[in-house]
Protein backbone atom coordinates (compact mmCIF):
# COMPACT_ATOMS: atom_id res chain seq x y z
CA MET A 1 -0.04 -0.16 0.32
CA SER A 2 1.20 3.25 -1.01
CA GLU A 3 1.83 6.45 1.00
CA LEU A 4 -0.49 9.41 0.25
CA SER A 5 1.50 12.13 -1.38
CA ASN A 6 1.31 15.95 -0.27
CA ILE A 7 -0.71 16.85 -2.77
CA GLN A 8 -3.14 13.78 -1.91
CA VAL A 9 -3.26 14.77 1.40
CA SER A 10 -3.83 18.91 0.68
CA LEU A 11 -6.63 18.06 -1.73
CA LEU A 12 -7.94 15.67 1.18
CA THR A 13 -7.85 18.39 3.50
CA VAL A 14 -9.50 20.77 1.34
CA LEU A 15 -12.34 18.27 0.78
CA ILE A 16 -12.76 18.01 4.62
CA ILE A 17 -12.82 21.07 5.52
CA TRP A 18 -15.37 22.38 2.09
CA SER A 19 -17.50 19.22 3.14
CA LEU A 20 -17.66 20.44 7.13
CA ILE A 21 -18.42 24.24 6.44
CA TRP A 22 -21.23 23.65 4.13
CA LYS A 23 -22.77 20.72 6.19
CA GLY A 24 -22.91 22.80 9.51
CA ILE A 25 -24.28 25.79 7.60
CA ALA A 26 -27.01 23.41 6.49
CA LEU A 27 -27.78 21.48 9.86
CA TRP A 28 -28.18 24.46 11.51
CA LYS A 29 -30.74 26.10 9.14
CA ALA A 30 -32.58 22.63 8.70
CA ALA A 31 -32.59 22.43 12.63
CA ARG A 32 -33.87 26.30 12.87
CA GLN A 33 -36.17 26.03 10.20
CA GLY A 34 -38.38 22.87 12.23
CA GLN A 35 -37.19 20.31 9.02
CA PRO A 36 -35.88 16.92 10.83
CA ALA A 37 -36.19 15.06 7.66
CA TRP A 38 -33.82 17.45 5.60
CA PHE A 39 -31.66 17.44 8.92
CA VAL A 40 -31.40 13.65 9.58
CA CYS A 41 -30.48 13.42 5.66
CA LEU A 42 -27.81 15.84 5.65
CA LEU A 43 -26.62 14.21 8.69
CA ILE A 44 -26.29 10.64 7.32
CA ILE A 45 -25.52 11.57 4.24
CA ASN A 46 -21.74 12.80 2.80
CA THR A 47 -21.69 14.24 -0.36
CA ALA A 48 -18.78 16.62 -0.37
CA GLY A 49 -21.43 19.14 0.05
CA ILE A 50 -23.32 18.81 -3.06
CA LEU A 51 -26.16 17.82 -1.30
CA GLU A 52 -25.88 20.64 1.36
CA ILE A 53 -25.41 23.50 -1.20
CA ILE A 54 -28.85 21.79 -3.10
CA TYR A 55 -30.81 21.85 0.01
CA LEU A 56 -29.67 25.49 0.54
CA SER A 57 -30.02 26.67 -2.84
CA PHE A 58 -33.69 25.48 -2.97
CA PHE A 59 -35.44 23.88 -0.40
CA GLN A 60 -34.51 25.55 3.01
CA LYS A 61 -37.79 27.70 3.78
CA LYS A 62 -37.89 31.33 2.75
CA THR A 63 -37.44 33.97 5.21
CA ALA A 64 -39.81 37.24 4.75
């Protein structure tokens, strides 16, 4: 088994940080807006931020 290169480690670190930021924002909004189904889905499914961005863009409750 080969070791990861510095570039691979850097890319993995960036991907993890990217995903955590989007997941945190989406989970916060889903919890605050009383959307437990979205909260559970976002918590369980890891999509590198893609599902979180879709939720934030299209499915969160719009506030006036």
